[in-house]
Amino acid sequence: MAKQRTTFDKLQKERNRKAKQAAKRDRRQGESGTAGSPVYDDNGILLGTVGEDGELVPYVPESQILD
């Protein structure tokens, strides 16, 4: 089971890296993006939303939130 967790962590890290790249790309291209605007990757996958400070707030499905 540890192997699955490692794979999950790798996928999560890759998704966060892509989200950060997308947010930087949007800022460079001058897309102001109002707070709450969704941010998608090149494949149309939701990465997160634009936060109050203009930074990306990553999307985490409720099924993956740990209490």
C-alpha atoms as a PDB file:
ATOM      1  CA  MET A   1       0.000   0.000   0.000  1.00  0.00           C
ATOM      2  CA  ALA A   2       2.939   2.341   0.540  1.00  0.00           C
ATOM      3  CA  LYS A   3       3.602   2.110  -3.175  1.00  0.00           C
ATOM      4  CA  GLN A   4       0.146   3.527  -3.963  1.00  0.00           C
ATOM      5  CA  ARG A   5       0.722   6.379  -1.530  1.00  0.00           C
ATOM      6  CA  THR A   6       4.027   7.229  -3.197  1.00  0.00           C
ATOM      7  CA  THR A   7       2.332   7.241  -6.593  1.00  0.00           C
ATOM      8  CA  PHE A   8      -0.478   9.415  -5.228  1.00  0.00           C
ATOM      9  CA  ASP A   9       2.048  11.839  -3.725  1.00  0.00           C
ATOM     10  CA  LYS A  10       3.917  12.014  -7.031  1.00  0.00           C
ATOM     11  CA  LEU A  11       0.692  12.728  -8.925  1.00  0.00           C
ATOM     12  CA  GLN A  12      -0.313  15.384  -6.379  1.00  0.00           C
ATOM     13  CA  LYS A  13       3.110  17.027  -6.631  1.00  0.00           C
ATOM     14  CA  GLU A  14       2.950  17.022 -10.440  1.00  0.00           C
ATOM     15  CA  ARG A  15      -0.557  18.529 -10.403  1.00  0.00           C
ATOM     16  CA  ASN A  16       0.553  21.279  -8.010  1.00  0.00           C
ATOM     17  CA  ARG A  17       3.589  22.015 -10.183  1.00  0.00           C
ATOM     18  CA  LYS A  18       1.402  22.330 -13.278  1.00  0.00           C
ATOM     19  CA  ALA A  19      -1.036  24.568 -11.399  1.00  0.00           C
ATOM     20  CA  LYS A  20       1.773  26.867 -10.361  1.00  0.00           C
ATOM     21  CA  GLN A  21       3.070  27.005 -13.947  1.00  0.00           C
ATOM     22  CA  ALA A  22      -0.412  27.798 -15.260  1.00  0.00           C
ATOM     23  CA  ALA A  23      -0.841  30.610 -12.735  1.00  0.00           C
ATOM     24  CA  LYS A  24       2.522  32.103 -13.683  1.00  0.00           C
ATOM     25  CA  ARG A  25       1.698  31.804 -17.380  1.00  0.00           C
ATOM     26  CA  ASP A  26      -1.632  33.565 -16.858  1.00  0.00           C
ATOM     27  CA  ARG A  27       0.033  36.402 -14.939  1.00  0.00           C
ATOM     28  CA  ARG A  28       2.693  36.840 -17.631  1.00  0.00           C
ATOM     29  CA  GLN A  29       0.067  36.959 -20.361  1.00  0.00           C
ATOM     30  CA  GLY A  30      -1.732  39.742 -18.530  1.00  0.00           C
ATOM     31  CA  GLU A  31      -4.853  37.821 -17.661  1.00  0.00           C
ATOM     32  CA  SER A  32      -5.762  39.566 -14.432  1.00  0.00           C
ATOM     33  CA  GLY A  33      -8.176  36.858 -13.309  1.00  0.00           C
ATOM     34  CA  THR A  34     -10.567  38.060 -10.647  1.00  0.00           C
ATOM     35  CA  ALA A  35     -10.731  36.295  -7.306  1.00  0.00           C
ATOM     36  CA  GLY A  36     -12.571  33.013  -7.648  1.00  0.00           C
ATOM     37  CA  SER A  37     -11.860  32.620 -11.381  1.00  0.00           C
ATOM     38  CA  PRO A  38     -11.117  28.991 -12.302  1.00  0.00           C
ATOM     39  CA  VAL A  39      -7.696  28.053 -13.704  1.00  0.00           C
ATOM     40  CA  TYR A  40      -7.400  25.085 -16.079  1.00  0.00           C
ATOM     41  CA  ASP A  41      -4.375  23.275 -17.504  1.00  0.00           C
ATOM     42  CA  ASP A  42      -3.803  22.643 -21.215  1.00  0.00           C
ATOM     43  CA  ASN A  43      -5.958  19.483 -21.034  1.00  0.00           C
ATOM     44  CA  GLY A  44      -8.941  21.295 -19.509  1.00  0.00           C
ATOM     45  CA  ILE A  45      -8.420  19.901 -16.011  1.00  0.00           C
ATOM     46  CA  LEU A  46      -9.362  22.255 -13.179  1.00  0.00           C
ATOM     47  CA  LEU A  47      -6.214  23.162 -11.261  1.00  0.00           C
ATOM     48  CA  GLY A  48      -7.686  25.658  -8.822  1.00  0.00           C
ATOM     49  CA  THR A  49      -9.015  29.174  -8.509  1.00  0.00           C
ATOM     50  CA  VAL A  50      -7.465  32.624  -8.278  1.00  0.00           C
ATOM     51  CA  GLY A  51      -7.224  33.690  -4.640  1.00  0.00           C
ATOM     52  CA  GLU A  52      -7.741  37.140  -3.115  1.00  0.00           C
ATOM     53  CA  ASP A  53      -4.015  37.886  -3.446  1.00  0.00           C
ATOM     54  CA  GLY A  54      -3.888  36.768  -7.094  1.00  0.00           C
ATOM     55  CA  GLU A  55      -2.164  33.493  -6.254  1.00  0.00           C
ATOM     56  CA  LEU A  56      -3.512  30.096  -7.287  1.00  0.00           C
ATOM     57  CA  VAL A  57      -5.560  28.217  -4.687  1.00  0.00           C
ATOM     58  CA  PRO A  58      -5.214  24.529  -5.661  1.00  0.00           C
ATOM     59  CA  TYR A  59      -8.356  22.480  -6.234  1.00  0.00           C
ATOM     60  CA  VAL A  60      -8.664  19.434  -3.976  1.00  0.00           C
ATOM     61  CA  PRO A  61     -11.688  17.180  -4.499  1.00  0.00           C
ATOM     62  CA  GLU A  62     -13.703  16.609  -1.319  1.00  0.00           C
ATOM     63  CA  SER A  63     -13.042  12.872  -1.580  1.00  0.00           C
ATOM     64  CA  GLN A  64      -9.319  13.564  -1.035  1.00  0.00           C
ATOM     65  CA  ILE A  65      -9.656  15.886   1.969  1.00  0.00           C
ATOM     66  CA  LEU A  66      -8.389  14.228   5.114  1.00  0.00           C
ATOM     67  CA  ASP A  67      -9.847  15.216   8.468  1.00  0.00           C
END
